[in-house]
């Protein structure tokens, strides 16, 4: 037991660099292991700890997305503060085709929901198994996405990665959007999307119809002709004046 504690301490020390800062591992459109553009892979995610007590839920949405057509909303429904709470949502290494997450870098993009300021004090990206590792999220915005990363030491053969329950305070409602959960192997290659990527849908009401485009073009042509004609009349009048 003492030997195991020593090993764990060594691993924790080695992990400090990997868990202390944001990195540039953010995925481009369609590159994330979990894009959350559809609900097809939501069943891969498991919950643990105080998830039931806090009413933790993960819901697919198309209201917000960093890339692609959607993301997930993390919500809670708790009428009182939870003491000594733990847990969150996670995936297992075998689910993504890995033996473990040793040496991997895990990244997710986060945006705060309106009205949830001050209720994500416990939110972190984390890994568990041989040793518990986590990177807390920085100050979040309701307007911009924030990327958070955790790099595991190569000798930390953890079997779980995910994110923690955002808060253990009494709270009912949506807290954060999460998008593009990406797993990068030690060799720099990314675990390819597992089947939930979808290109962003452009709603018809957000586009200008063909008829409107034609009408706008005609109006623009008429305006140009009127301007050119007006300039011509001015020049003609000036020339007559000095003739």
Protein backbone atom coordinates (compact mmCIF):
# COMPACT_ATOMS: atom_id res chain seq x y z
CA UNK A 1 0.00 0.00 0.00
CA UNK A 2 2.80 2.42 0.86
CA UNK A 3 4.52 1.65 -2.43
CA UNK A 4 1.30 2.39 -4.34
CA UNK A 5 0.98 5.76 -2.60
CA UNK A 6 4.55 6.65 -3.58
CA UNK A 7 3.87 5.74 -7.21
CA UNK A 8 0.66 7.80 -7.17
CA UNK A 9 2.53 10.80 -5.77
CA UNK A 10 5.14 10.56 -8.52
CA UNK A 11 2.46 10.42 -11.19
CA UNK A 12 0.62 13.36 -9.67
CA UNK A 13 3.79 15.44 -9.73
CA UNK A 14 4.41 14.56 -13.34
CA UNK A 15 0.86 15.57 -14.21
CA UNK A 16 1.15 19.14 -12.93
CA UNK A 17 2.40 20.53 -16.23
CA UNK A 18 -0.25 18.70 -18.21
CA UNK A 19 -3.15 19.90 -16.06
CA UNK A 20 -2.22 23.47 -15.34
CA UNK A 21 -3.08 25.33 -18.51
CA UNK A 22 -5.26 25.58 -21.56
CA UNK A 23 -3.75 24.15 -24.72
CA UNK A 24 -4.22 24.42 -28.48
CA UNK A 25 -5.65 20.95 -29.08
CA UNK A 26 -9.07 22.31 -30.10
CA UNK A 27 -10.63 20.27 -32.92
CA UNK A 28 -11.76 21.62 -36.27
CA UNK A 29 -15.20 20.89 -37.69
CA UNK A 30 -15.86 17.14 -37.64
CA UNK A 31 -12.52 16.19 -36.06
CA UNK A 32 -13.67 15.75 -32.45
CA UNK A 33 -14.08 12.24 -31.09
CA UNK A 34 -17.51 13.32 -29.82
CA UNK A 35 -18.97 16.20 -31.86
CA UNK A 36 -22.39 16.07 -30.11
CA UNK A 37 -24.08 17.13 -33.37
CA UNK A 38 -26.62 14.31 -32.95
CA UNK A 39 -27.74 12.31 -29.89
CA UNK A 40 -26.54 9.05 -31.47
CA UNK A 41 -23.57 8.49 -29.13
CA UNK A 42 -25.01 9.87 -25.90
CA UNK A 43 -25.39 6.32 -24.60
CA UNK A 44 -21.58 6.04 -24.45
CA UNK A 45 -21.59 8.47 -21.52
CA UNK A 46 -22.06 7.17 -17.99
CA UNK A 47 -22.61 9.08 -14.74
CA UNK A 48 -21.22 8.48 -11.29
CA UNK A 49 -21.06 9.85 -7.76
CA UNK A 50 -23.67 12.44 -6.78
CA UNK A 51 -25.26 12.65 -10.23
CA UNK A 52 -28.66 11.46 -8.98
CA UNK A 53 -28.66 13.78 -5.95
CA UNK A 54 -27.83 16.83 -8.08
CA UNK A 55 -30.25 15.87 -10.85
CA UNK A 56 -27.42 15.94 -13.41
CA UNK A 57 -28.62 15.54 -16.99
CA UNK A 58 -27.04 15.78 -20.45
CA UNK A 59 -29.33 16.86 -23.29
CA UNK A 60 -28.58 17.21 -26.98
CA UNK A 61 -29.35 20.64 -28.45
CA UNK A 62 -28.96 22.54 -31.70
CA UNK A 63 -29.27 25.93 -29.99
CA UNK A 64 -25.51 26.35 -29.66
CA UNK A 65 -22.50 24.72 -31.29
CA UNK A 66 -18.85 25.51 -31.71
CA UNK A 67 -18.64 23.29 -34.77
CA UNK A 68 -21.20 21.23 -36.61
CA UNK A 69 -24.92 21.11 -35.85
CA UNK A 70 -25.16 20.80 -32.07
CA UNK A 71 -23.76 20.34 -28.58
CA UNK A 72 -24.96 19.07 -25.21
CA UNK A 73 -26.51 21.06 -22.38
CA UNK A 74 -25.46 20.03 -18.88
CA UNK A 75 -28.22 20.75 -16.36
CA UNK A 76 -28.91 20.17 -12.67
CA UNK A 77 -32.00 20.05 -10.51
CA UNK A 78 -31.16 20.20 -6.81
CA UNK A 79 -33.23 21.96 -4.13
CA UNK A 80 -30.43 21.95 -1.56
CA UNK A 81 -26.64 21.97 -1.44
CA UNK A 82 -24.93 18.57 -1.58
CA UNK A 83 -22.24 18.01 1.04
CA UNK A 84 -19.08 16.14 0.02
CA UNK A 85 -20.37 15.61 -3.50
CA UNK A 86 -18.39 13.75 -6.14
CA UNK A 87 -18.78 12.41 -9.65
CA UNK A 88 -19.72 13.51 -13.13
CA UNK A 89 -20.12 12.08 -16.64
CA UNK A 90 -17.46 9.94 -18.28
CA UNK A 91 -16.55 7.45 -21.00
CA UNK A 92 -14.45 4.30 -20.73
CA UNK A 93 -11.28 3.74 -22.74
CA UNK A 94 -12.61 0.55 -24.33
CA UNK A 95 -15.61 2.50 -25.66
CA UNK A 96 -13.30 4.55 -27.89
CA UNK A 97 -11.07 1.64 -28.83
CA UNK A 98 -8.21 2.28 -26.39
CA UNK A 99 -6.67 0.08 -23.71
CA UNK A 100 -6.39 3.13 -21.43
CA UNK A 101 -5.81 6.88 -21.61
CA UNK A 102 -2.13 6.91 -20.60
CA UNK A 103 -0.33 9.77 -22.35
CA UNK A 104 -3.52 11.04 -24.01
CA UNK A 105 -4.70 14.63 -24.13
CA UNK A 106 -8.40 15.22 -23.60
CA UNK A 107 -10.02 18.48 -24.68
CA UNK A 108 -13.54 19.91 -24.56
CA UNK A 109 -15.13 23.24 -25.49
CA UNK A 110 -17.43 24.91 -22.95
CA UNK A 111 -19.88 27.84 -23.02
CA UNK A 112 -21.86 29.11 -20.04
CA UNK A 113 -25.66 29.13 -20.19
CA UNK A 114 -27.48 32.38 -19.48
CA UNK A 115 -28.23 32.80 -15.78
CA UNK A 116 -25.72 30.16 -14.61
CA UNK A 117 -23.01 32.56 -13.51
CA UNK A 118 -21.49 31.33 -10.25
CA UNK A 119 -22.84 27.79 -10.59
CA UNK A 120 -19.95 25.98 -12.27
CA UNK A 121 -17.46 26.18 -9.39
CA UNK A 122 -16.76 22.43 -9.47
CA UNK A 123 -16.68 21.97 -13.26
CA UNK A 124 -13.50 20.33 -14.54
CA UNK A 125 -12.28 17.95 -17.20
CA UNK A 126 -11.00 14.87 -15.38
CA UNK A 127 -9.57 11.37 -15.60
CA UNK A 128 -9.78 8.57 -13.05
CA UNK A 129 -8.47 5.05 -12.59
CA UNK A 130 -4.91 4.60 -11.38
CA UNK A 131 -4.97 8.21 -10.13
CA UNK A 132 -7.46 11.08 -10.13
CA UNK A 133 -6.44 14.00 -12.38
CA UNK A 134 -8.41 17.12 -13.29
CA UNK A 135 -8.20 20.57 -14.88
CA UNK A 136 -10.72 23.12 -13.61
CA UNK A 137 -12.32 25.37 -16.20
CA UNK A 138 -11.41 29.08 -16.15
CA UNK A 139 -13.95 31.91 -16.07
CA UNK A 140 -16.60 31.09 -18.67
CA UNK A 141 -18.54 33.31 -21.05
CA UNK A 142 -22.14 33.14 -22.31
CA UNK A 143 -20.94 34.49 -25.67
CA UNK A 144 -17.73 32.62 -26.49
CA UNK A 145 -16.45 29.05 -26.29
CA UNK A 146 -13.58 28.17 -23.95
CA UNK A 147 -11.29 25.19 -24.61
CA UNK A 148 -10.07 23.14 -21.64
CA UNK A 149 -7.48 20.34 -21.83
CA UNK A 150 -6.01 17.65 -19.62
CA UNK A 151 -2.87 15.70 -20.54
CA UNK A 152 -2.30 12.41 -18.73
CA UNK A 153 1.22 11.21 -17.90
CA UNK A 154 2.34 8.25 -20.00
CA UNK A 155 2.45 6.00 -16.93
CA UNK A 156 -1.07 6.88 -15.74
CA UNK A 157 -3.09 4.01 -17.17
CA UNK A 158 -6.47 5.53 -16.30
CA UNK A 159 -9.58 3.98 -17.81
CA UNK A 160 -11.99 6.94 -17.52
CA UNK A 161 -12.15 10.51 -18.86
CA UNK A 162 -14.99 13.01 -18.66
CA UNK A 163 -16.22 16.12 -16.86
CA UNK A 164 -17.31 16.66 -13.29
CA UNK A 165 -20.67 17.79 -11.90
CA UNK A 166 -20.62 21.61 -12.36
CA UNK A 167 -21.83 22.56 -8.87
CA UNK A 168 -23.03 21.06 -5.59
CA UNK A 169 -24.97 24.18 -4.63
CA UNK A 170 -28.76 24.26 -4.80
CA UNK A 171 -29.56 24.95 -8.44
CA UNK A 172 -32.23 24.14 -11.01
CA UNK A 173 -31.65 24.77 -14.70
CA UNK A 174 -29.12 24.65 -17.52
CA UNK A 175 -25.50 25.37 -16.62
CA UNK A 176 -23.12 24.83 -19.55
CA UNK A 177 -22.98 23.80 -23.18
CA UNK A 178 -20.23 21.29 -24.04
CA UNK A 179 -19.01 20.61 -27.57
CA UNK A 180 -16.13 18.83 -29.35
CA UNK A 181 -14.89 16.37 -26.74
CA UNK A 182 -11.59 15.29 -28.28
CA UNK A 183 -9.17 12.51 -27.35
CA UNK A 184 -5.64 12.80 -28.75
CA UNK A 185 -3.32 9.81 -28.48
CA UNK A 186 0.31 10.12 -27.28
CA UNK A 187 1.49 10.01 -30.91
CA UNK A 188 -0.56 13.11 -31.76
CA UNK A 189 -3.32 11.36 -33.70
CA UNK A 190 -6.92 11.96 -32.70
CA UNK A 191 -9.52 9.30 -32.00
CA UNK A 192 -11.73 9.83 -35.06
CA UNK A 193 -15.33 10.89 -34.69
CA UNK A 194 -17.36 8.01 -33.36
CA UNK A 195 -20.47 8.69 -35.41
CA UNK A 196 -22.21 11.84 -34.13
CA UNK A 197 -20.91 14.47 -36.57
CA UNK A 198 -23.36 16.44 -38.70
CA UNK A 199 -22.71 19.56 -40.74
CA UNK A 200 -24.43 22.67 -39.44
CA UNK A 201 -27.95 23.05 -40.77
CA UNK A 202 -28.72 26.43 -42.32
CA UNK A 203 -32.39 27.11 -41.65
CA UNK A 204 -34.43 28.40 -44.60
CA UNK A 205 -35.65 31.41 -42.60
CA UNK A 206 -32.03 32.45 -42.19
CA UNK A 207 -31.42 32.54 -45.92
CA UNK A 208 -32.65 35.00 -48.55
CA UNK A 209 -35.07 33.43 -51.06
CA UNK A 210 -34.28 33.31 -54.78
CA UNK A 211 -37.15 35.71 -55.50
CA UNK A 212 -35.84 38.24 -52.98
CA UNK A 213 -32.35 37.96 -54.48
CA UNK A 214 -33.71 38.77 -57.94
CA UNK A 215 -35.74 41.71 -56.60
CA UNK A 216 -32.73 43.07 -54.72
CA UNK A 217 -30.60 42.75 -57.84
CA UNK A 218 -33.14 44.68 -59.92
CA UNK A 219 -33.35 47.44 -57.30
CA UNK A 220 -29.54 47.65 -57.20
CA UNK A 221 -29.34 47.93 -61.01
CA UNK A 222 -32.00 50.66 -61.06
CA UNK A 223 -30.13 52.61 -58.38
CA UNK A 224 -26.86 52.33 -60.29
CA UNK A 225 -28.56 53.52 -63.51
CA UNK A 226 -30.18 56.42 -61.66
CA UNK A 227 -26.86 57.47 -60.16
CA UNK A 228 -25.08 57.21 -63.52
CA UNK A 229 -27.91 59.14 -65.21
CA UNK A 230 -27.81 61.83 -62.55
CA UNK A 231 -24.08 62.24 -62.92
CA UNK A 232 -24.55 62.46 -66.70
CA UNK A 233 -27.14 65.25 -66.39
CA UNK A 234 -24.87 67.20 -64.04
CA UNK A 235 -21.94 66.92 -66.44
CA UNK A 236 -24.18 67.87 -69.39
CA UNK A 237 -25.46 70.96 -67.56
CA UNK A 238 -21.92 72.04 -66.67
CA UNK A 239 -20.76 71.62 -70.28
CA UNK A 240 -23.71 73.69 -71.60
CA UNK A 241 -22.91 76.42 -69.08
CA UNK A 242 -19.34 76.78 -70.30
CA UNK A 243 -20.11 76.22 -73.98
